[in-house]
N, C-alpha and C. Protein backbone atom coordinates (compact mmCIF):
# COMPACT_ATOMS: atom_id res chain seq x y z
N UNK A 1 -43.69 1.72 67.37
CA UNK A 1 -44.57 2.74 66.78
C UNK A 1 -45.51 2.07 65.78
N UNK A 2 -46.77 2.49 65.79
CA UNK A 2 -47.77 1.93 64.90
C UNK A 2 -47.37 2.18 63.45
N UNK A 3 -47.47 1.12 62.61
CA UNK A 3 -47.09 1.23 61.21
C UNK A 3 -47.97 2.24 60.48
N UNK A 4 -49.25 2.28 60.82
CA UNK A 4 -50.17 3.22 60.16
C UNK A 4 -49.77 4.67 60.41
N UNK A 5 -49.29 4.94 61.64
CA UNK A 5 -48.86 6.31 61.97
C UNK A 5 -47.65 6.69 61.13
N UNK A 6 -46.71 5.71 60.99
CA UNK A 6 -45.51 5.97 60.19
C UNK A 6 -45.88 6.23 58.73
N UNK A 7 -46.80 5.41 58.20
CA UNK A 7 -47.23 5.57 56.81
C UNK A 7 -47.93 6.91 56.61
N UNK A 8 -48.82 7.26 57.55
CA UNK A 8 -49.54 8.53 57.45
C UNK A 8 -48.58 9.73 57.52
N UNK A 9 -47.57 9.62 58.40
CA UNK A 9 -46.59 10.70 58.52
C UNK A 9 -45.78 10.83 57.22
N UNK A 10 -45.42 9.69 56.61
CA UNK A 10 -44.65 9.69 55.38
C UNK A 10 -45.45 10.34 54.25
N UNK A 11 -46.74 9.96 54.14
CA UNK A 11 -47.60 10.54 53.11
C UNK A 11 -47.79 12.03 53.34
N UNK A 12 -47.95 12.40 54.61
CA UNK A 12 -48.13 13.82 54.96
C UNK A 12 -46.92 14.63 54.53
N UNK A 13 -45.71 14.10 54.75
CA UNK A 13 -44.50 14.81 54.37
C UNK A 13 -44.36 14.90 52.85
N UNK A 14 -44.77 13.86 52.14
CA UNK A 14 -44.73 13.92 50.68
C UNK A 14 -45.72 14.95 50.16
N UNK A 15 -46.87 15.08 50.81
CA UNK A 15 -47.83 16.11 50.43
C UNK A 15 -47.24 17.51 50.63
N UNK A 16 -46.49 17.66 51.72
CA UNK A 16 -45.83 18.94 51.98
C UNK A 16 -44.82 19.26 50.89
N UNK A 17 -44.07 18.25 50.48
CA UNK A 17 -43.08 18.43 49.42
C UNK A 17 -43.75 18.81 48.11
N UNK A 18 -44.88 18.16 47.82
CA UNK A 18 -45.64 18.48 46.61
C UNK A 18 -46.12 19.93 46.64
N UNK A 19 -46.62 20.36 47.79
CA UNK A 19 -47.09 21.74 47.93
C UNK A 19 -45.95 22.74 47.75
N UNK A 20 -44.78 22.40 48.28
CA UNK A 20 -43.62 23.28 48.13
C UNK A 20 -43.22 23.41 46.66
N UNK A 21 -43.23 22.29 45.95
CA UNK A 21 -42.88 22.31 44.52
C UNK A 21 -43.89 23.11 43.71
N UNK A 22 -45.17 22.89 43.99
CA UNK A 22 -46.21 23.65 43.28
C UNK A 22 -46.11 25.14 43.59
N UNK A 23 -45.77 25.45 44.82
CA UNK A 23 -45.61 26.85 45.22
C UNK A 23 -44.46 27.51 44.47
N UNK A 24 -43.36 26.78 44.30
CA UNK A 24 -42.22 27.31 43.54
C UNK A 24 -42.58 27.53 42.08
N UNK A 25 -43.35 26.61 41.51
CA UNK A 25 -43.80 26.76 40.12
C UNK A 25 -44.67 28.00 39.98
N UNK A 26 -45.61 28.17 40.92
CA UNK A 26 -46.49 29.35 40.89
C UNK A 26 -45.68 30.64 41.04
N UNK A 27 -44.70 30.62 41.94
CA UNK A 27 -43.84 31.79 42.12
C UNK A 27 -43.03 32.10 40.88
N UNK A 28 -42.57 31.06 40.19
CA UNK A 28 -41.82 31.26 38.95
C UNK A 28 -42.69 31.90 37.88
N UNK A 29 -43.91 31.39 37.73
CA UNK A 29 -44.83 31.93 36.71
C UNK A 29 -45.14 33.39 36.98
N UNK A 30 -45.41 33.73 38.24
CA UNK A 30 -45.77 35.10 38.59
C UNK A 30 -44.55 36.04 38.56
N UNK A 31 -43.38 35.51 38.93
CA UNK A 31 -42.20 36.36 39.02
C UNK A 31 -41.41 36.51 37.75
N UNK A 32 -41.64 35.62 36.77
CA UNK A 32 -40.84 35.65 35.55
C UNK A 32 -41.01 36.96 34.79
N UNK A 33 -42.25 37.41 34.65
CA UNK A 33 -42.51 38.65 33.89
C UNK A 33 -41.90 39.86 34.58
N UNK A 34 -41.96 39.89 35.93
CA UNK A 34 -41.36 41.00 36.68
C UNK A 34 -39.84 41.00 36.52
N UNK A 35 -39.25 39.80 36.53
CA UNK A 35 -37.80 39.67 36.36
C UNK A 35 -37.39 40.10 34.95
N UNK A 36 -38.16 39.70 33.98
CA UNK A 36 -37.87 40.01 32.57
C UNK A 36 -37.91 41.51 32.33
N UNK A 37 -38.82 42.20 33.01
CA UNK A 37 -38.93 43.66 32.87
C UNK A 37 -38.05 44.40 33.87
N UNK A 38 -37.23 43.66 34.62
CA UNK A 38 -36.28 44.24 35.57
C UNK A 38 -36.97 45.13 36.60
N UNK A 39 -38.04 44.61 37.20
CA UNK A 39 -38.77 45.34 38.23
C UNK A 39 -38.16 45.09 39.61
N UNK A 40 -38.64 45.86 40.59
CA UNK A 40 -38.04 45.81 41.93
C UNK A 40 -38.23 44.46 42.61
N UNK A 41 -39.31 43.77 42.33
CA UNK A 41 -39.55 42.43 42.89
C UNK A 41 -39.61 41.44 41.73
N UNK A 42 -38.56 40.64 41.58
CA UNK A 42 -38.48 39.73 40.45
C UNK A 42 -38.77 38.29 40.82
N UNK A 43 -38.14 37.39 40.07
CA UNK A 43 -38.40 35.96 40.22
C UNK A 43 -38.10 35.47 41.63
N UNK A 44 -36.94 35.84 42.16
CA UNK A 44 -36.54 35.35 43.49
C UNK A 44 -37.49 35.83 44.58
N UNK A 45 -37.82 37.12 44.53
CA UNK A 45 -38.69 37.69 45.56
C UNK A 45 -40.07 37.06 45.54
N UNK A 46 -40.68 37.01 44.36
CA UNK A 46 -42.03 36.46 44.23
C UNK A 46 -42.06 34.99 44.62
N UNK A 47 -41.05 34.23 44.21
CA UNK A 47 -41.00 32.80 44.54
C UNK A 47 -40.89 32.58 46.05
N UNK A 48 -40.05 33.37 46.71
CA UNK A 48 -39.89 33.24 48.16
C UNK A 48 -41.17 33.63 48.89
N UNK A 49 -41.84 34.68 48.41
CA UNK A 49 -43.11 35.09 49.02
C UNK A 49 -44.14 33.98 48.90
N UNK A 50 -44.24 33.40 47.71
CA UNK A 50 -45.21 32.32 47.48
C UNK A 50 -44.87 31.10 48.33
N UNK A 51 -43.60 30.75 48.39
CA UNK A 51 -43.16 29.59 49.18
C UNK A 51 -43.37 29.85 50.67
N UNK A 52 -43.05 31.06 51.13
CA UNK A 52 -43.24 31.41 52.54
C UNK A 52 -44.70 31.37 52.95
N UNK A 53 -45.58 31.85 52.07
CA UNK A 53 -47.02 31.81 52.36
C UNK A 53 -47.52 30.38 52.47
N UNK A 54 -47.00 29.51 51.60
CA UNK A 54 -47.35 28.09 51.67
C UNK A 54 -46.90 27.48 52.99
N UNK A 55 -45.68 27.82 53.42
CA UNK A 55 -45.16 27.28 54.68
C UNK A 55 -45.99 27.76 55.87
N UNK A 56 -46.32 29.04 55.91
CA UNK A 56 -47.15 29.56 57.01
C UNK A 56 -48.51 28.87 57.03
N UNK A 57 -49.06 28.61 55.86
CA UNK A 57 -50.36 27.93 55.79
C UNK A 57 -50.25 26.50 56.29
N UNK A 58 -49.17 25.82 55.92
CA UNK A 58 -48.95 24.45 56.40
C UNK A 58 -48.81 24.41 57.92
N UNK A 59 -48.00 25.32 58.46
CA UNK A 59 -47.82 25.37 59.91
C UNK A 59 -49.11 25.71 60.62
N UNK A 60 -49.85 26.65 60.05
CA UNK A 60 -51.12 27.05 60.65
C UNK A 60 -52.10 25.88 60.70
N UNK A 61 -52.14 25.13 59.59
CA UNK A 61 -53.07 24.00 59.51
C UNK A 61 -52.66 22.88 60.45
N UNK A 62 -51.34 22.61 60.54
CA UNK A 62 -50.86 21.51 61.38
C UNK A 62 -50.96 21.84 62.87
N UNK A 63 -50.50 23.03 63.23
CA UNK A 63 -50.50 23.39 64.65
C UNK A 63 -51.91 23.62 65.18
N UNK A 64 -52.82 23.99 64.29
CA UNK A 64 -54.19 24.24 64.73
C UNK A 64 -55.15 23.14 64.36
N UNK A 65 -54.63 21.96 64.07
CA UNK A 65 -55.48 20.84 63.66
C UNK A 65 -56.52 20.53 64.72
N UNK A 66 -57.77 20.39 64.28
CA UNK A 66 -58.85 20.06 65.19
C UNK A 66 -59.51 21.26 65.82
N UNK A 67 -58.96 22.43 65.59
CA UNK A 67 -59.54 23.66 66.15
C UNK A 67 -59.78 24.62 64.99
N UNK A 68 -61.01 24.90 64.65
CA UNK A 68 -61.34 25.69 63.47
C UNK A 68 -60.81 27.12 63.56
N UNK A 69 -60.66 27.65 64.77
CA UNK A 69 -60.15 29.01 64.93
C UNK A 69 -58.64 29.04 64.77
N UNK A 70 -57.94 28.14 65.45
CA UNK A 70 -56.48 28.12 65.41
C UNK A 70 -55.94 27.67 64.05
N UNK A 71 -56.73 26.93 63.31
CA UNK A 71 -56.26 26.39 62.03
C UNK A 71 -55.91 27.48 61.03
N UNK A 72 -56.45 28.67 61.19
CA UNK A 72 -56.17 29.76 60.25
C UNK A 72 -55.54 30.97 60.93
N UNK A 73 -55.20 30.84 62.21
CA UNK A 73 -54.71 32.01 62.96
C UNK A 73 -53.38 32.51 62.42
N UNK A 74 -52.41 31.60 62.23
CA UNK A 74 -51.10 32.02 61.72
C UNK A 74 -51.23 32.55 60.30
N UNK A 75 -51.99 31.84 59.48
CA UNK A 75 -52.14 32.24 58.08
C UNK A 75 -52.79 33.61 57.94
N UNK A 76 -53.65 33.97 58.88
CA UNK A 76 -54.34 35.26 58.77
C UNK A 76 -53.38 36.43 58.84
N UNK A 77 -52.26 36.24 59.54
CA UNK A 77 -51.27 37.32 59.65
C UNK A 77 -50.46 37.50 58.37
N UNK A 78 -50.48 36.49 57.50
CA UNK A 78 -49.81 36.64 56.21
C UNK A 78 -50.49 37.74 55.40
N UNK A 79 -51.81 37.81 55.49
CA UNK A 79 -52.58 38.79 54.73
C UNK A 79 -52.19 40.21 55.12
N UNK A 80 -52.11 40.47 56.42
CA UNK A 80 -51.74 41.82 56.88
C UNK A 80 -50.25 42.09 56.66
N UNK A 81 -49.42 41.07 56.88
CA UNK A 81 -47.98 41.26 56.72
C UNK A 81 -47.56 41.52 55.29
N UNK A 82 -48.22 40.86 54.35
CA UNK A 82 -47.84 41.03 52.94
C UNK A 82 -48.20 42.42 52.44
N UNK A 83 -49.17 43.06 53.11
CA UNK A 83 -49.54 44.42 52.72
C UNK A 83 -48.40 45.41 52.90
N UNK A 84 -47.62 45.25 53.97
CA UNK A 84 -46.48 46.14 54.20
C UNK A 84 -45.41 45.93 53.14
N UNK A 85 -45.21 44.68 52.74
CA UNK A 85 -44.21 44.38 51.71
C UNK A 85 -44.64 44.97 50.37
N UNK A 86 -45.92 44.84 50.05
CA UNK A 86 -46.43 45.40 48.80
C UNK A 86 -46.35 46.91 48.77
N UNK A 87 -46.63 47.54 49.91
CA UNK A 87 -46.59 49.00 49.97
C UNK A 87 -45.18 49.53 49.74
N UNK A 88 -44.18 48.72 50.05
CA UNK A 88 -42.80 49.17 49.91
C UNK A 88 -42.34 49.34 48.47
N UNK A 89 -43.06 48.75 47.52
CA UNK A 89 -42.64 48.86 46.11
C UNK A 89 -43.45 49.90 45.35
N UNK A 90 -44.38 50.58 46.04
CA UNK A 90 -45.20 51.61 45.40
C UNK A 90 -44.59 52.98 45.66
N UNK A 91 -44.44 53.76 44.61
CA UNK A 91 -43.96 55.13 44.78
C UNK A 91 -44.60 56.03 43.72
N UNK A 92 -44.71 57.31 44.05
CA UNK A 92 -45.35 58.28 43.17
C UNK A 92 -44.30 59.13 42.49
N UNK A 93 -44.44 59.30 41.18
CA UNK A 93 -43.53 60.12 40.40
C UNK A 93 -44.35 61.08 39.55
N UNK A 94 -44.57 62.28 40.08
CA UNK A 94 -45.43 63.23 39.37
C UNK A 94 -46.86 62.73 39.33
N UNK A 95 -47.42 62.69 38.11
CA UNK A 95 -48.79 62.19 37.96
C UNK A 95 -48.83 60.67 37.88
N UNK A 96 -47.67 60.04 37.81
CA UNK A 96 -47.60 58.59 37.68
C UNK A 96 -47.42 57.92 39.04
N UNK A 97 -48.11 56.81 39.23
CA UNK A 97 -47.92 55.98 40.42
C UNK A 97 -47.31 54.67 39.94
N UNK A 98 -46.08 54.40 40.35
CA UNK A 98 -45.34 53.23 39.89
C UNK A 98 -45.33 52.13 40.95
N UNK A 99 -45.25 50.90 40.48
CA UNK A 99 -45.13 49.76 41.39
C UNK A 99 -46.44 49.09 41.75
N UNK A 100 -47.56 49.59 41.23
CA UNK A 100 -48.86 49.01 41.59
C UNK A 100 -48.99 47.57 41.08
N UNK A 101 -48.52 47.33 39.86
CA UNK A 101 -48.60 45.97 39.30
C UNK A 101 -47.74 45.00 40.11
N UNK A 102 -46.52 45.43 40.44
CA UNK A 102 -45.63 44.59 41.24
C UNK A 102 -46.24 44.30 42.61
N UNK A 103 -46.81 45.33 43.24
CA UNK A 103 -47.45 45.14 44.55
C UNK A 103 -48.62 44.17 44.46
N UNK A 104 -49.39 44.27 43.37
CA UNK A 104 -50.53 43.37 43.17
C UNK A 104 -50.07 41.93 42.99
N UNK A 105 -48.97 41.75 42.26
CA UNK A 105 -48.44 40.40 42.05
C UNK A 105 -47.90 39.82 43.36
N UNK A 106 -47.26 40.66 44.18
CA UNK A 106 -46.81 40.22 45.51
C UNK A 106 -48.00 39.74 46.33
N UNK A 107 -49.06 40.52 46.33
CA UNK A 107 -50.28 40.19 47.08
C UNK A 107 -50.90 38.90 46.57
N UNK A 108 -51.00 38.77 45.24
CA UNK A 108 -51.61 37.57 44.66
C UNK A 108 -50.74 36.34 44.85
N UNK A 109 -49.42 36.50 44.79
CA UNK A 109 -48.53 35.34 44.99
C UNK A 109 -48.68 34.79 46.41
N UNK A 110 -48.88 35.68 47.38
CA UNK A 110 -49.11 35.23 48.75
C UNK A 110 -50.44 34.48 48.86
N UNK A 111 -51.46 34.99 48.18
CA UNK A 111 -52.78 34.34 48.22
C UNK A 111 -52.73 32.96 47.57
N UNK A 112 -52.06 32.85 46.43
CA UNK A 112 -51.95 31.56 45.75
C UNK A 112 -51.10 30.60 46.58
N UNK A 113 -50.04 31.11 47.20
CA UNK A 113 -49.22 30.28 48.08
C UNK A 113 -50.02 29.73 49.25
N UNK A 114 -50.88 30.55 49.83
CA UNK A 114 -51.74 30.09 50.92
C UNK A 114 -52.73 29.04 50.45
N UNK A 115 -53.30 29.25 49.26
CA UNK A 115 -54.24 28.26 48.71
C UNK A 115 -53.56 26.91 48.52
N UNK A 116 -52.33 26.94 48.01
CA UNK A 116 -51.57 25.69 47.84
C UNK A 116 -51.28 25.06 49.20
N UNK A 117 -50.90 25.88 50.18
CA UNK A 117 -50.60 25.37 51.51
C UNK A 117 -51.77 24.67 52.16
N UNK A 118 -52.98 25.19 51.93
CA UNK A 118 -54.18 24.57 52.49
C UNK A 118 -54.73 23.45 51.61
N UNK A 119 -54.04 23.18 50.49
CA UNK A 119 -54.44 22.05 49.64
C UNK A 119 -55.55 22.34 48.67
N UNK A 120 -55.85 23.62 48.44
CA UNK A 120 -56.91 23.99 47.49
C UNK A 120 -56.25 24.18 46.13
N UNK A 121 -55.81 23.10 45.52
CA UNK A 121 -54.98 23.17 44.32
C UNK A 121 -55.73 23.71 43.11
N UNK A 122 -56.97 23.29 42.91
CA UNK A 122 -57.73 23.73 41.74
C UNK A 122 -57.96 25.24 41.78
N UNK A 123 -58.34 25.74 42.95
CA UNK A 123 -58.55 27.19 43.11
C UNK A 123 -57.26 27.95 42.82
N UNK A 124 -56.15 27.45 43.36
CA UNK A 124 -54.85 28.09 43.13
C UNK A 124 -54.50 28.10 41.65
N UNK A 125 -54.77 26.98 40.96
CA UNK A 125 -54.45 26.89 39.53
C UNK A 125 -55.30 27.85 38.70
N UNK A 126 -56.58 27.96 39.05
CA UNK A 126 -57.48 28.86 38.31
C UNK A 126 -57.03 30.31 38.44
N UNK A 127 -56.71 30.72 39.66
CA UNK A 127 -56.30 32.11 39.88
C UNK A 127 -54.90 32.38 39.31
N UNK A 128 -54.03 31.38 39.34
CA UNK A 128 -52.71 31.53 38.73
C UNK A 128 -52.84 31.72 37.22
N UNK A 129 -53.72 30.94 36.60
CA UNK A 129 -53.96 31.06 35.16
C UNK A 129 -54.54 32.42 34.82
N UNK A 130 -55.49 32.89 35.65
CA UNK A 130 -56.10 34.21 35.42
C UNK A 130 -55.05 35.31 35.51
N UNK A 131 -54.16 35.22 36.50
CA UNK A 131 -53.08 36.22 36.64
C UNK A 131 -52.15 36.19 35.45
N UNK A 132 -51.83 34.99 34.98
CA UNK A 132 -50.93 34.85 33.84
C UNK A 132 -51.54 35.50 32.59
N UNK A 133 -52.84 35.32 32.40
CA UNK A 133 -53.52 35.93 31.25
C UNK A 133 -53.49 37.45 31.36
N UNK A 134 -53.77 37.98 32.55
CA UNK A 134 -53.78 39.44 32.74
C UNK A 134 -52.39 40.02 32.52
N UNK A 135 -51.37 39.38 33.09
CA UNK A 135 -50.00 39.86 32.93
C UNK A 135 -49.57 39.80 31.46
N UNK A 136 -49.91 38.69 30.81
CA UNK A 136 -49.51 38.51 29.41
C UNK A 136 -50.20 39.46 28.45
N UNK A 137 -51.43 39.85 28.77
CA UNK A 137 -52.18 40.74 27.87
C UNK A 137 -52.01 42.21 28.22
N UNK A 138 -51.18 42.51 29.22
CA UNK A 138 -51.01 43.90 29.66
C UNK A 138 -50.54 44.83 28.57
N UNK A 139 -49.58 44.37 27.75
CA UNK A 139 -49.05 45.22 26.68
C UNK A 139 -50.12 45.53 25.65
N UNK A 140 -50.94 44.53 25.30
CA UNK A 140 -52.03 44.74 24.34
C UNK A 140 -53.05 45.73 24.89
N UNK A 141 -53.39 45.58 26.17
CA UNK A 141 -54.37 46.48 26.80
C UNK A 141 -53.86 47.91 26.82
N UNK A 142 -52.58 48.08 27.18
CA UNK A 142 -52.00 49.43 27.23
C UNK A 142 -51.97 50.09 25.85
N UNK A 143 -51.77 49.28 24.83
CA UNK A 143 -51.64 49.83 23.48
C UNK A 143 -52.98 50.13 22.84
N UNK A 144 -53.96 49.25 23.03
CA UNK A 144 -55.21 49.37 22.28
C UNK A 144 -56.41 49.83 23.09
N UNK A 145 -56.35 49.73 24.40
CA UNK A 145 -57.52 50.07 25.22
C UNK A 145 -57.28 51.33 26.04
N UNK A 146 -56.12 51.42 26.70
CA UNK A 146 -55.82 52.61 27.51
C UNK A 146 -55.32 53.71 26.59
N UNK A 147 -56.05 54.80 26.52
CA UNK A 147 -55.76 55.86 25.56
C UNK A 147 -54.91 56.99 26.12
N UNK A 148 -54.79 57.11 27.43
CA UNK A 148 -54.08 58.24 28.03
C UNK A 148 -52.86 57.75 28.81
N UNK A 149 -51.84 58.61 28.85
CA UNK A 149 -50.63 58.31 29.62
C UNK A 149 -50.24 59.54 30.43
N UNK A 150 -49.60 59.30 31.56
CA UNK A 150 -49.10 60.40 32.39
C UNK A 150 -47.62 60.61 32.16
N UNK A 151 -47.20 61.83 32.10
CA UNK A 151 -45.80 62.16 31.87
C UNK A 151 -45.38 63.34 32.75
N UNK A 152 -44.12 63.33 33.14
CA UNK A 152 -43.54 64.51 33.78
C UNK A 152 -42.57 65.13 32.77
N UNK A 153 -42.83 66.37 32.40
CA UNK A 153 -42.07 67.05 31.35
C UNK A 153 -41.26 68.18 31.98
N UNK A 154 -39.96 68.18 31.71
CA UNK A 154 -39.08 69.25 32.18
C UNK A 154 -38.63 70.08 30.99
N UNK A 155 -38.95 71.36 31.00
CA UNK A 155 -38.63 72.26 29.89
C UNK A 155 -37.73 73.38 30.39
N UNK A 156 -36.62 73.59 29.69
CA UNK A 156 -35.71 74.68 30.03
C UNK A 156 -35.76 75.72 28.92
N UNK A 157 -36.08 76.96 29.29
CA UNK A 157 -36.23 78.06 28.33
C UNK A 157 -35.21 79.15 28.62
N UNK A 158 -35.02 80.01 27.62
CA UNK A 158 -34.18 81.19 27.79
C UNK A 158 -34.91 82.17 28.71
N UNK A 159 -34.22 82.66 29.72
CA UNK A 159 -34.86 83.51 30.71
C UNK A 159 -35.14 84.93 30.20
N UNK A 160 -34.57 85.29 29.08
CA UNK A 160 -34.74 86.66 28.58
C UNK A 160 -36.20 87.02 28.37
N UNK A 161 -37.01 86.04 27.97
CA UNK A 161 -38.43 86.29 27.73
C UNK A 161 -39.25 85.47 28.72
N UNK A 162 -39.66 86.09 29.83
CA UNK A 162 -40.41 85.38 30.87
C UNK A 162 -41.82 85.02 30.42
N UNK A 163 -42.32 85.73 29.42
CA UNK A 163 -43.66 85.42 28.91
C UNK A 163 -43.68 84.15 28.07
N UNK A 164 -42.50 83.66 27.68
CA UNK A 164 -42.44 82.46 26.84
C UNK A 164 -43.04 81.26 27.55
N UNK A 165 -42.87 81.19 28.87
CA UNK A 165 -43.44 80.08 29.64
C UNK A 165 -44.95 80.06 29.53
N UNK A 166 -45.58 81.20 29.79
CA UNK A 166 -47.04 81.27 29.75
C UNK A 166 -47.58 80.99 28.35
N UNK A 167 -46.88 81.49 27.34
CA UNK A 167 -47.31 81.26 25.96
C UNK A 167 -47.22 79.79 25.59
N UNK A 168 -46.14 79.14 26.02
CA UNK A 168 -45.96 77.72 25.72
C UNK A 168 -47.02 76.88 26.42
N UNK A 169 -47.29 77.15 27.67
CA UNK A 169 -48.31 76.41 28.41
C UNK A 169 -49.68 76.59 27.77
N UNK A 170 -49.94 77.81 27.29
CA UNK A 170 -51.22 78.09 26.62
C UNK A 170 -51.36 77.26 25.35
N UNK A 171 -50.24 77.05 24.63
CA UNK A 171 -50.27 76.24 23.41
C UNK A 171 -50.41 74.75 23.71
N UNK A 172 -49.82 74.32 24.82
CA UNK A 172 -49.83 72.90 25.16
C UNK A 172 -51.13 72.42 25.79
N UNK A 173 -51.80 73.30 26.49
CA UNK A 173 -52.98 72.90 27.26
C UNK A 173 -54.07 72.23 26.42
N UNK A 174 -54.40 72.75 25.21
CA UNK A 174 -55.45 72.08 24.42
C UNK A 174 -55.08 70.67 23.98
N UNK A 175 -53.80 70.33 24.01
CA UNK A 175 -53.35 69.01 23.57
C UNK A 175 -53.40 67.97 24.69
N UNK A 176 -53.68 68.41 25.91
CA UNK A 176 -53.65 67.52 27.07
C UNK A 176 -55.02 67.39 27.71
N UNK A 177 -55.19 66.32 28.49
CA UNK A 177 -56.39 66.17 29.30
C UNK A 177 -56.21 66.87 30.64
N UNK A 178 -54.95 66.93 31.08
CA UNK A 178 -54.63 67.60 32.35
C UNK A 178 -53.20 68.11 32.28
N UNK A 179 -53.00 69.36 32.64
CA UNK A 179 -51.67 69.96 32.65
C UNK A 179 -51.51 70.78 33.92
N UNK A 180 -50.49 70.45 34.70
CA UNK A 180 -50.26 71.13 35.97
C UNK A 180 -48.80 71.54 36.07
N UNK A 181 -48.57 72.81 36.41
CA UNK A 181 -47.21 73.29 36.63
C UNK A 181 -46.78 72.86 38.03
N UNK A 182 -45.81 71.95 38.09
CA UNK A 182 -45.38 71.42 39.37
C UNK A 182 -44.31 72.29 40.03
N UNK A 183 -43.38 72.78 39.21
CA UNK A 183 -42.26 73.55 39.78
C UNK A 183 -41.67 74.47 38.72
N UNK A 184 -41.26 75.67 39.15
CA UNK A 184 -40.59 76.63 38.28
C UNK A 184 -39.34 77.12 39.00
N UNK A 185 -38.20 76.99 38.33
CA UNK A 185 -36.94 77.47 38.91
C UNK A 185 -36.23 78.37 37.89
N UNK A 186 -35.48 79.34 38.41
CA UNK A 186 -34.77 80.28 37.54
C UNK A 186 -33.32 80.41 37.95
N UNK A 187 -32.46 80.51 36.95
CA UNK A 187 -31.06 80.85 37.16
C UNK A 187 -30.79 82.17 36.42
N UNK A 188 -29.54 82.55 36.32
CA UNK A 188 -29.22 83.81 35.65
C UNK A 188 -29.60 83.80 34.17
N UNK A 189 -29.51 82.61 33.55
CA UNK A 189 -29.74 82.53 32.11
C UNK A 189 -30.93 81.67 31.71
N UNK A 190 -31.41 80.81 32.62
CA UNK A 190 -32.40 79.82 32.23
C UNK A 190 -33.63 79.84 33.13
N UNK A 191 -34.74 79.41 32.55
CA UNK A 191 -36.00 79.23 33.27
C UNK A 191 -36.44 77.78 33.07
N UNK A 192 -36.54 77.02 34.16
CA UNK A 192 -36.89 75.60 34.08
C UNK A 192 -38.29 75.38 34.64
N UNK A 193 -39.13 74.72 33.84
CA UNK A 193 -40.52 74.45 34.21
C UNK A 193 -40.74 72.95 34.22
N UNK A 194 -41.28 72.43 35.32
CA UNK A 194 -41.62 71.00 35.41
C UNK A 194 -43.14 70.87 35.37
N UNK A 195 -43.63 70.12 34.39
CA UNK A 195 -45.07 69.96 34.18
C UNK A 195 -45.48 68.51 34.44
N UNK A 196 -46.61 68.32 35.12
CA UNK A 196 -47.27 67.02 35.21
C UNK A 196 -48.38 67.00 34.18
N UNK A 197 -48.29 66.05 33.24
CA UNK A 197 -49.19 66.06 32.09
C UNK A 197 -49.90 64.73 31.95
N UNK A 198 -51.20 64.78 31.70
CA UNK A 198 -51.99 63.60 31.32
C UNK A 198 -52.46 63.85 29.90
N UNK A 199 -52.04 62.98 28.98
CA UNK A 199 -52.24 63.26 27.56
C UNK A 199 -52.69 62.01 26.82
N UNK A 200 -53.53 62.21 25.79
CA UNK A 200 -53.91 61.11 24.91
C UNK A 200 -52.71 60.67 24.09
N UNK A 201 -52.56 59.39 23.88
CA UNK A 201 -51.40 58.87 23.16
C UNK A 201 -51.31 59.44 21.75
N UNK A 202 -52.45 59.68 21.13
CA UNK A 202 -52.45 60.18 19.75
C UNK A 202 -51.94 61.62 19.67
N UNK A 203 -51.88 62.33 20.79
CA UNK A 203 -51.43 63.72 20.79
C UNK A 203 -49.98 63.89 21.23
N UNK A 204 -49.31 62.78 21.57
CA UNK A 204 -47.95 62.89 22.10
C UNK A 204 -47.00 63.52 21.10
N UNK A 205 -47.05 63.07 19.83
CA UNK A 205 -46.16 63.62 18.80
C UNK A 205 -46.39 65.11 18.60
N UNK A 206 -47.64 65.50 18.52
CA UNK A 206 -47.97 66.91 18.33
C UNK A 206 -47.53 67.73 19.53
N UNK A 207 -47.67 67.15 20.72
CA UNK A 207 -47.24 67.80 21.95
C UNK A 207 -45.74 68.07 21.92
N UNK A 208 -44.97 67.06 21.50
CA UNK A 208 -43.51 67.20 21.43
C UNK A 208 -43.11 68.22 20.38
N UNK A 209 -43.78 68.18 19.21
CA UNK A 209 -43.44 69.13 18.14
C UNK A 209 -43.72 70.57 18.54
N UNK A 210 -44.79 70.76 19.31
CA UNK A 210 -45.13 72.11 19.77
C UNK A 210 -44.04 72.67 20.68
N UNK A 211 -43.53 71.82 21.55
CA UNK A 211 -42.45 72.26 22.45
C UNK A 211 -41.17 72.55 21.66
N UNK A 212 -40.82 71.64 20.75
CA UNK A 212 -39.58 71.78 19.98
C UNK A 212 -39.61 72.99 19.05
N UNK A 213 -40.80 73.42 18.66
CA UNK A 213 -40.93 74.57 17.76
C UNK A 213 -40.72 75.90 18.47
N UNK A 214 -40.71 75.87 19.81
CA UNK A 214 -40.53 77.11 20.57
C UNK A 214 -39.09 77.61 20.43
N UNK A 215 -38.93 78.85 20.03
CA UNK A 215 -37.60 79.41 19.76
C UNK A 215 -36.80 79.65 21.05
N UNK A 216 -37.48 79.74 22.16
CA UNK A 216 -36.79 79.99 23.43
C UNK A 216 -36.34 78.70 24.12
N UNK A 217 -36.65 77.57 23.50
CA UNK A 217 -36.33 76.27 24.11
C UNK A 217 -34.82 76.03 24.14
N UNK A 218 -34.33 75.61 25.30
CA UNK A 218 -32.93 75.21 25.45
C UNK A 218 -32.81 73.70 25.60
N UNK A 219 -33.69 73.11 26.42
CA UNK A 219 -33.63 71.68 26.69
C UNK A 219 -35.00 71.17 27.09
N UNK A 220 -35.27 69.91 26.73
CA UNK A 220 -36.54 69.27 27.11
C UNK A 220 -36.27 67.84 27.56
N UNK A 221 -36.98 67.41 28.58
CA UNK A 221 -36.89 66.04 29.07
C UNK A 221 -38.29 65.52 29.32
N UNK A 222 -38.63 64.40 28.65
CA UNK A 222 -39.97 63.81 28.80
C UNK A 222 -39.82 62.39 29.32
């Protein structure tokens, strides 16, 4: 066997190992925050997604070498396939949609993994750094820039006074940006109202005090 072929194959395999290591580092950076916050897709999931995307990119590039169309054919299916995985962590809870950040990180980890697999290291590093900044500054943005929050409020009232519900909603509405009665249930003694509320953060305390001041209140869950 030609010595040059052996040397080239050895270097090629070392490049693959380097890409795998970089992919694991990228997956760790992206998955650490999700793991720390105990989200549905944590360090292990994000790292495997990033590593898998790198592997698919490597195989796509190797198997399609010399053919510009085949060189990206396998990798192109990663884009569509990762969408199904991301959609699985999104769910709606009243006015709140949960899992969007996790789904976005899954999507971005696949993209960065593909960039590493194709050897575009600088591009991968730039986007990884940008993601890290966005993830790290999320708490500051939520506290100082985003002024409204969505809540699902469950209120249990004494059933003796059915007008108490309408009066309470009338008092709460000026404190919210959006208030929607999602469900009303009644038992022999209690009236339970579930509200979907969009409210300014500065009004949350006043909103809670208004509910607690109601004499017909039995229980509240926010």
